Amino acid sequence: MSRLLMLNTRLVNEGRITDADVYIEDGLIAQISSGLSGRAADRVIDANGQYLLPGVIDDQVHFREPGLTHKATIRTESRAAVAGGVTSFMEMPNTVPNALTQELLADKYEIAARTAFANYSFFMGASNDNLEEVLKTNTRNVCGIKIFMGSSTGNMLVDKERVLEALFRQSPMLIATHCEDEATVRDNAERYRQAYGDSATARLHPLIRNEEACLKSSSMAVALAKRHNTRLHILHISTADELNLFRNDIPLTEKRITSEVCVHHLWFDSTDYERLGNLIKCNPAIKGPEHKPQLLAALLDDRLDIIATDHAPHTWDEKQQSYWQAPAGLPLVQHPLLMMLEFVRQGKLSLETLVRKMSHAPADCFQVERRGYIREGYWADLVLVDTRHPTDVTKESLLYQCGWSPLEGQSFSSSITHTIVSGELVYENGNILVERAGQRLLFNR
């Protein structure tokens, strides 16, 4: 039985900041109180007034294993995640082969059980022809069903109306959607290809994958969910146009339709293509600067429920190809907490709201069992943050297998000093301390 004692923390949890000590025993938070310095422990960490947050739950990552391990692996990317304060992740099914059968899904869980530094879950993938497999999915130990309602990898575009109706009508659990209208994107791409040919650059990306494509697909998903009372979660909202689809007049736990915004859609805008080009090419596209403040406002007023990353690494060489050939996606899972702490420093976001949107809300949205909060009896997934010590993003500091980040050269005002996963101290002051620590997430459904 391992025992860890954290002293003199400023604990940020459930809308409050309090001074507290935290005692962890056998992976669980055993006691939250003051004056615990006398308790016996295998390790004592004096936080000296640093902020203690519940670990970030990232509900959308692409860790590329199996089949695309030249880009990333579950091991490498979950290692980067814990260095960034992400203690749990939910990974997408568009690996190779796509996770479209229960056997292929089980293979990913087996890899994670051997190699993951963070707690893990994997979405079951949907296609035009695997409804029977989807309906076998275990609601207790799988986070959800993923539907690509827009172009994607392999056989995962679901564009047949009867299939979508059946999935939304019969799904045993939450459906998460990538919403971009395929016909709109295809028509725009053809028009710009004719106009620009090989001279096209990434600045065209938000024009090809435009607001219309997002709104048309998101509206369709919401209409389907309302018709069938489906539990729907729309991923990576990138436009102000879509915000009226979501409500904020009821608590998150009562919503049947929820949404998220990703850190890159809050951080970057279309003016950054001039500097970063294909490095910030992603789907849905980073849009014009007018969208950022409206996305942030919707996050603050609870139309948008969750902050995620959509971490999606590609190799440097792949990103150096022409615009038409370069793949979409960027690596982000090592820095989302530091990015949002900049918003706190700038007065755009409170620390309590950050915790609610990155830890509490994902736990509530997906009904994650005993995680996402700092509570006695819950798993100890914790992050210690020093807001007085900056972090410089350098190539040498990156833990991604791809070895690059669009944030290189950025100096963040805060640093992550310790990350605890399921009660185990995994990361401390730049060092990974264990070989693996993650556990399979469970869900109260």
Protein backbone atom coordinates (compact mmCIF):
# COMPACT_ATOMS: atom_id res chain seq x y z
CA MET A 1 0.00 0.00 0.00
CA SER A 2 1.59 3.28 -1.12
CA ARG A 3 1.09 6.48 0.83
CA LEU A 4 1.72 9.99 -0.47
CA LEU A 5 1.27 13.18 1.52
CA MET A 6 0.94 16.61 -0.09
CA LEU A 7 1.33 19.53 2.29
CA ASN A 8 0.54 23.24 2.03
CA THR A 9 -1.37 23.20 -1.25
CA ARG A 10 -3.79 25.78 -2.58
CA LEU A 11 -6.46 23.34 -3.66
CA VAL A 12 -8.63 24.39 -6.63
CA ASN A 13 -11.80 22.32 -6.74
CA GLU A 14 -15.55 22.69 -7.26
CA GLY A 15 -15.48 26.47 -7.60
CA ARG A 16 -13.31 27.18 -4.55
CA ILE A 17 -9.65 27.75 -3.73
CA THR A 18 -8.70 26.56 -0.23
CA ASP A 19 -5.54 25.84 1.73
CA ALA A 20 -5.31 22.12 2.40
CA ASP A 21 -3.13 19.05 2.81
CA VAL A 22 -4.01 15.91 0.85
CA TYR A 23 -3.26 12.36 1.99
CA ILE A 24 -3.24 9.63 -0.68
CA GLU A 25 -3.37 5.94 0.18
CA ASP A 26 -3.41 3.00 -2.23
CA GLY A 27 -4.23 5.22 -5.20
CA LEU A 28 -7.18 7.02 -3.60
CA ILE A 29 -7.58 10.37 -1.87
CA ALA A 30 -7.95 9.29 1.74
CA GLN A 31 -8.11 12.65 3.51
CA ILE A 32 -8.33 16.35 2.65
CA SER A 33 -7.70 18.57 5.64
CA SER A 34 -5.26 20.95 7.28
CA GLY A 35 -2.56 19.90 9.69
CA LEU A 36 -1.79 16.47 8.19
CA SER A 37 1.99 16.82 8.49
CA GLY A 38 2.17 14.13 11.15
CA ARG A 39 0.68 11.35 9.03
CA ALA A 40 3.03 8.54 8.02
CA ALA A 41 3.79 8.47 4.30
CA ASP A 42 6.24 6.91 1.87
CA ARG A 43 6.73 10.30 0.23
CA VAL A 44 5.97 13.84 1.36
CA ILE A 45 5.69 16.73 -1.08
CA ASP A 46 5.65 20.25 0.35
CA ALA A 47 3.73 22.30 -2.22
CA ASN A 48 4.74 25.55 -0.53
CA GLY A 49 1.55 27.28 -1.64
CA GLN A 50 1.42 25.99 -5.20
CA TYR A 51 -1.96 25.29 -6.76
CA LEU A 52 -3.19 21.70 -6.68
CA LEU A 53 -5.66 20.90 -9.47
CA PRO A 54 -7.52 17.75 -10.45
CA GLY A 55 -5.77 16.22 -13.44
CA VAL A 56 -6.93 17.27 -16.89
CA ILE A 57 -9.23 14.80 -18.67
CA ASP A 58 -8.67 15.19 -22.42
CA ASP A 59 -11.65 13.69 -24.21
CA GLN A 60 -10.15 13.89 -27.70
CA VAL A 61 -6.68 12.70 -28.71
CA HIS A 62 -5.12 10.76 -31.56
CA PHE A 63 -2.19 8.66 -30.32
CA ARG A 64 -1.79 6.82 -33.66
CA GLU A 65 -1.32 3.27 -32.37
CA PRO A 66 -1.71 0.77 -33.93
CA GLY A 67 -0.65 1.22 -37.52
CA LEU A 68 0.72 4.77 -37.56
CA THR A 69 3.50 4.37 -35.03
CA HIS A 70 5.98 6.30 -37.18
CA LYS A 71 4.01 9.35 -35.99
CA ALA A 72 3.33 8.46 -32.34
CA THR A 73 2.52 5.69 -29.89
CA ILE A 74 0.31 5.41 -26.85
CA ARG A 75 3.47 5.30 -24.75
CA THR A 76 5.13 8.42 -26.18
CA GLU A 77 2.05 10.60 -26.30
CA SER A 78 0.73 9.63 -22.87
CA ARG A 79 4.18 10.42 -21.51
CA ALA A 80 3.89 13.91 -23.02
CA ALA A 81 0.37 14.13 -21.62
CA VAL A 82 1.36 13.60 -17.99
CA ALA A 83 4.18 16.14 -18.38
CA GLY A 84 1.41 18.55 -19.35
CA GLY A 85 -0.90 17.71 -16.46
CA VAL A 86 -3.23 15.48 -18.50
CA THR A 87 -3.95 12.46 -16.32
CA SER A 88 -6.67 10.78 -18.42
CA PHE A 89 -7.31 10.62 -22.16
CA MET A 90 -9.95 9.33 -24.56
CA GLU A 91 -8.49 8.28 -27.89
CA MET A 92 -10.05 8.24 -31.34
CA PRO A 93 -10.66 5.16 -33.53
CA ASN A 94 -9.08 6.29 -36.83
CA THR A 95 -5.91 4.27 -36.27
CA VAL A 96 -4.86 1.53 -38.73
CA PRO A 97 -6.81 -0.63 -38.91
CA ASN A 98 -9.73 1.55 -37.84
CA ALA A 99 -11.26 0.42 -34.53
CA LEU A 100 -14.48 -0.81 -36.15
CA THR A 101 -14.81 -4.19 -34.43
CA GLN A 102 -14.84 -5.16 -30.78
CA GLU A 103 -11.66 -7.20 -31.32
CA LEU A 104 -9.77 -4.27 -32.82
CA LEU A 105 -10.97 -2.01 -30.02
CA ALA A 106 -9.79 -4.57 -27.44
CA ASP A 107 -6.35 -4.58 -29.07
CA LYS A 108 -5.93 -0.88 -28.29
CA TYR A 109 -6.90 -1.40 -24.66
CA GLU A 110 -4.33 -4.18 -24.40
CA ILE A 111 -1.58 -1.88 -25.70
CA ALA A 112 -2.56 0.85 -23.25
CA ALA A 113 -2.61 -1.57 -20.32
CA ARG A 114 1.07 -2.27 -21.02
CA THR A 115 2.31 1.18 -21.96
CA ALA A 116 0.07 4.11 -20.92
CA PHE A 117 1.37 6.67 -18.42
CA ALA A 118 -2.11 8.24 -18.11
CA ASN A 119 -5.53 6.71 -17.54
CA TYR A 120 -7.15 5.72 -20.80
CA SER A 121 -10.28 5.01 -22.77
CA PHE A 122 -10.84 4.44 -26.49
CA PHE A 123 -13.83 5.33 -28.64
CA MET A 124 -15.53 2.65 -30.69
CA GLY A 125 -15.58 3.68 -34.33
CA ALA A 126 -18.67 3.80 -36.54
CA SER A 127 -18.78 3.32 -40.30
CA ASN A 128 -21.46 2.87 -42.94
CA ASP A 129 -21.50 -0.88 -42.38
CA ASN A 130 -20.64 -1.83 -38.77
CA LEU A 131 -23.82 -1.05 -36.84
CA GLU A 132 -23.95 -4.56 -35.38
CA GLU A 133 -20.46 -4.16 -33.92
CA VAL A 134 -21.25 -0.70 -32.54
CA LEU A 135 -24.26 -2.03 -30.67
CA LYS A 136 -22.06 -4.57 -28.83
CA THR A 137 -20.05 -1.79 -27.15
CA ASN A 138 -19.81 -2.01 -23.36
CA THR A 139 -21.18 1.16 -21.79
CA ARG A 140 -19.32 0.49 -18.55
CA ASN A 141 -15.76 0.56 -19.86
CA VAL A 142 -15.83 2.40 -23.23
CA CYS A 143 -16.13 6.18 -23.35
CA GLY A 144 -18.35 6.46 -26.41
CA ILE A 145 -19.06 5.94 -30.10
CA LYS A 146 -17.22 8.17 -32.59
CA ILE A 147 -18.88 9.21 -35.85
CA PHE A 148 -17.02 11.17 -38.51
CA MET A 149 -19.72 13.24 -40.21
CA GLY A 150 -17.08 14.62 -42.54
CA SER A 151 -14.01 13.37 -44.39
CA SER A 152 -11.69 11.23 -42.35
CA THR A 153 -9.17 8.42 -42.41
CA GLY A 154 -9.98 5.09 -44.04
CA ASN A 155 -13.51 3.71 -43.90
CA MET A 156 -14.85 6.01 -41.20
CA LEU A 157 -16.90 8.61 -43.06
CA VAL A 158 -20.54 7.96 -42.17
CA ASP A 159 -22.59 9.65 -44.88
CA LYS A 160 -25.55 7.33 -45.45
CA GLU A 161 -28.71 8.85 -44.00
CA ARG A 162 -30.25 5.51 -43.02
CA VAL A 163 -27.05 4.53 -41.16
CA LEU A 164 -26.92 7.82 -39.27
CA GLU A 165 -30.57 7.45 -38.32
CA ALA A 166 -29.94 3.92 -37.05
CA LEU A 167 -26.86 4.91 -35.07
CA PHE A 168 -28.57 7.85 -33.41
CA ARG A 169 -31.69 5.80 -32.72
CA GLN A 170 -29.99 2.70 -31.33
CA SER A 171 -26.68 3.80 -29.81
CA PRO A 172 -26.37 2.45 -26.26
CA MET A 173 -24.19 5.36 -25.18
CA LEU A 174 -22.79 8.79 -25.92
CA ILE A 175 -22.07 9.55 -29.58
CA ALA A 176 -19.20 11.96 -30.27
CA THR A 177 -19.17 13.58 -33.70
CA HIS A 178 -16.70 15.29 -35.97
CA CYS A 179 -18.98 17.67 -37.89
CA GLU A 180 -17.96 19.03 -41.29
CA ASP A 181 -20.20 18.62 -44.32
CA GLU A 182 -18.31 16.49 -46.82
CA ALA A 183 -20.04 17.82 -49.96
CA THR A 184 -19.37 21.44 -48.99
CA VAL A 185 -15.69 20.75 -48.25
CA ARG A 186 -15.27 18.79 -51.49
CA ASP A 187 -16.87 21.52 -53.62
CA ASN A 188 -14.79 24.24 -51.97
CA ALA A 189 -11.59 22.22 -52.41
CA GLU A 190 -12.26 21.72 -56.11
CA ARG A 191 -12.92 25.41 -56.65
CA TYR A 192 -9.71 26.48 -54.89
CA ARG A 193 -7.68 23.76 -56.56
CA GLN A 194 -8.79 25.10 -59.92
CA ALA A 195 -7.93 28.64 -58.89
CA TYR A 196 -4.58 28.06 -57.14
CA GLY A 197 -3.28 24.65 -58.21
CA ASP A 198 0.09 23.82 -56.71
CA SER A 199 0.55 27.37 -55.38
CA ALA A 200 -2.14 26.84 -52.71
CA THR A 201 -1.06 27.42 -49.11
CA ALA A 202 -2.59 26.73 -45.71
CA ARG A 203 -4.21 30.18 -45.63
CA LEU A 204 -6.90 28.64 -47.86
CA HIS A 205 -7.73 25.98 -45.29
CA PRO A 206 -10.44 27.97 -43.41
CA LEU A 207 -11.97 28.93 -46.74
CA ILE A 208 -12.20 25.31 -47.90
CA ARG A 209 -13.30 23.94 -44.52
CA ASN A 210 -15.46 26.94 -43.85
CA GLU A 211 -18.17 28.03 -41.46
CA GLU A 212 -20.91 26.71 -43.73
CA ALA A 213 -19.45 23.18 -43.72
CA CYS A 214 -19.28 23.17 -39.92
CA LEU A 215 -22.73 24.60 -39.30
CA LYS A 216 -24.47 22.38 -41.84
CA SER A 217 -23.04 19.19 -40.31
CA SER A 218 -23.43 20.25 -36.66
CA SER A 219 -27.04 21.25 -37.31
CA MET A 220 -27.72 17.85 -38.81
CA ALA A 221 -26.19 16.09 -35.79
CA VAL A 222 -28.26 18.15 -33.37
CA ALA A 223 -31.44 17.49 -35.35
CA LEU A 224 -30.75 13.74 -35.30
CA ALA A 225 -30.06 13.79 -31.57
CA LYS A 226 -33.23 15.71 -30.81
CA ARG A 227 -35.30 13.36 -32.97
CA HIS A 228 -34.01 10.25 -31.22
CA ASN A 229 -33.13 11.69 -27.76
CA THR A 230 -29.54 10.62 -28.35
CA ARG A 231 -26.74 11.53 -25.96
CA LEU A 232 -24.65 13.64 -28.37
CA HIS A 233 -21.30 15.35 -27.83
CA ILE A 234 -20.04 17.52 -30.70
CA LEU A 235 -16.27 17.77 -30.80
CA HIS A 236 -14.02 20.77 -31.56
CA ILE A 237 -16.49 23.57 -32.25
CA SER A 238 -14.56 26.15 -34.28
CA THR A 239 -17.10 28.78 -35.40
CA ALA A 240 -19.31 31.38 -33.80
CA ASP A 241 -21.98 30.26 -36.30
CA GLU A 242 -22.52 26.99 -34.41
CA LEU A 243 -22.93 28.42 -30.92
CA ASN A 244 -26.70 28.90 -31.10
CA LEU A 245 -27.07 25.12 -31.38
CA PHE A 246 -26.23 24.72 -27.70
CA ARG A 247 -28.06 25.64 -24.52
CA ASN A 248 -26.86 26.91 -21.15
CA ASP A 249 -30.11 27.12 -19.22
CA ILE A 250 -29.72 23.70 -17.55
CA PRO A 251 -26.79 22.04 -15.73
CA LEU A 252 -24.31 20.00 -17.74
CA THR A 253 -25.45 16.81 -16.02
CA GLU A 254 -28.96 17.31 -17.44
CA LYS A 255 -27.90 18.06 -21.03
CA ARG A 256 -28.48 15.53 -23.80
CA ILE A 257 -26.42 17.58 -26.26
CA THR A 258 -23.00 18.86 -25.21
CA SER A 259 -20.02 20.42 -26.96
CA GLU A 260 -16.35 21.24 -26.62
CA VAL A 261 -13.83 23.76 -27.82
CA CYS A 262 -10.17 22.90 -28.40
CA VAL A 263 -7.20 24.89 -27.18
CA HIS A 264 -5.91 25.66 -30.68
CA HIS A 265 -9.20 27.25 -31.74
CA LEU A 266 -8.94 29.54 -28.71
CA TRP A 267 -5.20 30.23 -29.14
CA PHE A 268 -4.60 30.60 -32.90
CA ASP A 269 -6.55 32.27 -35.69
CA SER A 270 -6.24 32.52 -39.48
CA THR A 271 -3.61 35.27 -39.28
CA ASP A 272 -1.22 32.63 -37.88
CA TYR A 273 -1.16 30.64 -41.16
CA GLU A 274 1.29 33.20 -42.55
CA ARG A 275 3.80 32.27 -39.84
CA LEU A 276 3.01 28.59 -39.21
CA GLY A 277 1.46 27.33 -42.45
CA ASN A 278 0.77 23.59 -42.51
CA LEU A 279 1.90 23.25 -38.88
CA ILE A 280 -1.53 24.49 -37.80
CA LYS A 281 -3.49 22.84 -40.62
CA CYS A 282 -6.17 20.84 -38.82
CA ASN A 283 -9.77 19.73 -39.24
CA PRO A 284 -11.95 21.60 -38.54
CA ALA A 285 -9.80 24.51 -39.63
CA ILE A 286 -8.60 27.32 -37.41
CA LYS A 287 -10.87 30.17 -38.50
CA GLY A 288 -10.73 33.96 -38.66
CA PRO A 289 -9.88 36.11 -35.62
CA GLU A 290 -13.52 37.13 -35.16
CA HIS A 291 -14.37 33.62 -33.92
CA LYS A 292 -11.96 33.42 -30.97
CA PRO A 293 -13.65 35.89 -28.59
CA GLN A 294 -17.07 34.40 -29.34
CA LEU A 295 -15.83 30.86 -28.64
CA LEU A 296 -14.36 32.05 -25.35
CA ALA A 297 -17.59 33.83 -24.43
CA ALA A 298 -19.58 30.66 -25.13
CA LEU A 299 -17.16 28.69 -22.98
CA LEU A 300 -17.66 31.12 -20.12
CA ASP A 301 -21.46 31.13 -20.38
CA ASP A 302 -21.63 27.31 -20.65
CA ARG A 303 -22.85 26.90 -24.21
CA LEU A 304 -19.49 25.17 -24.72
CA ASP A 305 -18.90 22.62 -21.98
CA ILE A 306 -15.36 21.23 -22.26
CA ILE A 307 -11.83 22.27 -23.24
CA ALA A 308 -9.90 19.54 -25.12
CA THR A 309 -6.89 19.26 -27.43
CA ASP A 310 -7.63 17.02 -30.43
CA HIS A 311 -3.91 16.19 -30.19
CA ALA A 312 -3.03 14.78 -33.63
CA PRO A 313 0.68 14.46 -34.40
CA HIS A 314 2.29 14.00 -37.81
CA THR A 315 5.97 13.85 -38.69
CA TRP A 316 7.85 17.01 -39.56
CA ASP A 317 8.47 15.72 -43.09
CA GLU A 318 4.77 15.05 -43.62
CA LYS A 319 3.96 18.62 -42.62
CA GLN A 320 6.59 20.02 -45.03
CA GLN A 321 4.68 18.73 -48.05
CA SER A 322 2.55 21.03 -50.19
CA TYR A 323 -0.75 22.25 -48.78
CA TRP A 324 -2.79 19.65 -50.65
CA GLN A 325 -0.59 16.75 -49.47
CA ALA A 326 0.19 17.82 -45.89
CA PRO A 327 -1.97 15.95 -43.34
CA ALA A 328 -4.25 17.81 -40.91
CA GLY A 329 -3.55 17.81 -37.19
CA LEU A 330 -1.10 19.22 -34.65
CA PRO A 331 0.50 17.99 -31.42
CA LEU A 332 -0.87 19.72 -28.30
CA VAL A 333 -1.28 17.33 -25.36
CA GLN A 334 1.87 18.47 -23.52
CA HIS A 335 0.70 22.07 -23.16
CA PRO A 336 -3.10 22.56 -22.88
CA LEU A 337 -3.04 23.38 -19.18
CA LEU A 338 -0.20 25.87 -19.60
CA MET A 339 -2.05 27.45 -22.54
CA MET A 340 -5.19 27.95 -20.50
CA LEU A 341 -3.21 29.22 -17.51
CA GLU A 342 -2.12 32.06 -19.81
CA PHE A 343 -5.80 32.93 -20.22
CA VAL A 344 -6.05 32.98 -16.43
CA ARG A 345 -3.05 35.29 -16.16
CA GLN A 346 -4.59 37.59 -18.78
CA GLY A 347 -7.85 37.78 -16.83
CA LYS A 348 -9.88 36.05 -19.54
CA LEU A 349 -10.63 32.95 -17.47
CA SER A 350 -10.68 32.19 -13.75
CA LEU A 351 -8.66 29.34 -12.32
CA GLU A 352 -11.85 27.80 -10.96
CA THR A 353 -13.46 27.89 -14.43
CA LEU A 354 -10.35 26.36 -15.99
CA VAL A 355 -10.63 23.42 -13.59
CA ARG A 356 -14.34 23.08 -14.24
CA LYS A 357 -13.91 22.98 -18.02
CA MET A 358 -10.80 20.75 -18.17
CA SER A 359 -11.47 18.33 -15.28
CA HIS A 360 -14.95 18.47 -13.75
CA ALA A 361 -16.92 18.86 -17.00
CA PRO A 362 -15.29 15.97 -18.91
CA ALA A 363 -15.90 13.73 -15.89
CA ASP A 364 -19.55 14.79 -15.72
CA CYS A 365 -20.11 14.72 -19.48
CA PHE A 366 -18.83 11.16 -19.88
CA GLN A 367 -19.89 10.03 -16.38
CA VAL A 368 -16.35 8.98 -15.50
CA GLU A 369 -16.26 7.01 -12.28
CA ARG A 370 -14.45 8.66 -9.33
CA ARG A 371 -12.24 10.99 -11.34
CA GLY A 372 -12.18 14.66 -12.32
CA TYR A 373 -12.60 16.03 -8.80
CA ILE A 374 -10.48 16.28 -5.66
CA ARG A 375 -12.71 14.36 -3.26
CA GLU A 376 -12.09 11.82 -0.53
CA GLY A 377 -12.63 8.33 -1.97
CA TYR A 378 -11.82 9.46 -5.53
CA TRP A 379 -8.77 8.36 -7.50
CA ALA A 380 -5.81 10.66 -6.92
CA ASP A 381 -5.32 12.23 -10.36
CA LEU A 382 -3.63 15.48 -9.43
CA VAL A 383 -1.44 18.24 -10.85
CA LEU A 384 0.71 20.69 -8.94
CA VAL A 385 1.16 24.03 -10.73
CA ASP A 386 3.70 26.76 -10.00
CA THR A 387 2.40 30.08 -11.35
CA ARG A 388 5.61 31.83 -10.35
CA HIS A 389 8.00 29.84 -12.54
CA PRO A 390 7.83 30.06 -16.36
CA THR A 391 8.10 27.27 -18.92
CA ASP A 392 9.89 27.76 -22.23
CA VAL A 393 8.78 25.50 -25.07
CA THR A 394 11.92 24.26 -26.80
CA LYS A 395 12.47 21.37 -29.17
CA GLU A 396 14.54 19.66 -26.47
CA SER A 397 11.67 19.85 -23.96
CA LEU A 398 9.13 18.14 -26.22
CA LEU A 399 8.19 14.55 -25.42
CA TYR A 400 6.16 13.92 -28.58
CA GLN A 401 7.55 11.29 -30.90
CA CYS A 402 7.11 13.71 -33.82
CA GLY A 403 9.57 16.10 -32.15
CA TRP A 404 7.95 19.41 -33.04
CA SER A 405 5.25 21.78 -31.82
CA PRO A 406 3.64 24.93 -33.24
CA LEU A 407 4.26 26.40 -29.78
CA GLU A 408 8.07 26.22 -30.00
CA GLY A 409 9.53 29.51 -28.83
CA GLN A 410 6.54 30.25 -26.59
CA SER A 411 7.23 31.13 -22.97
CA PHE A 412 4.41 30.24 -20.60
CA SER A 413 4.16 32.07 -17.28
CA SER A 414 3.51 28.89 -15.25
CA SER A 415 5.00 25.43 -14.91
CA ILE A 416 3.78 21.97 -13.99
CA THR A 417 5.94 20.55 -11.24
CA HIS A 418 4.21 17.27 -10.30
CA THR A 419 1.64 14.96 -11.90
CA ILE A 420 0.00 12.11 -10.00
CA VAL A 421 -1.92 9.41 -11.89
CA SER A 422 -4.13 7.00 -9.94
CA GLY A 423 -2.16 7.80 -6.80
CA GLU A 424 1.28 7.31 -8.35
CA LEU A 425 3.76 10.15 -8.72
CA VAL A 426 4.52 9.97 -12.44
CA TYR A 427 6.13 13.30 -13.25
CA GLU A 428 8.30 15.58 -11.11
CA ASN A 429 10.16 18.71 -12.19
CA GLY A 430 10.86 17.58 -15.74
CA ASN A 431 11.41 13.90 -15.00
CA ILE A 432 9.23 10.88 -15.73
CA LEU A 433 9.51 8.62 -12.67
CA VAL A 434 7.76 5.39 -13.66
CA GLU A 435 7.36 3.11 -16.68
CA ARG A 436 3.56 3.25 -16.72
CA ALA A 437 0.73 4.22 -14.36
CA GLY A 438 -2.49 4.51 -16.32
CA GLN A 439 -5.66 2.56 -15.52
CA ARG A 440 -8.69 1.91 -17.69
CA LEU A 441 -11.41 4.48 -17.13
CA LEU A 442 -14.81 3.24 -16.00
CA PHE A 443 -18.15 4.97 -16.49
CA ASN A 444 -21.28 5.24 -14.33
CA ARG A 445 -24.03 4.56 -16.88
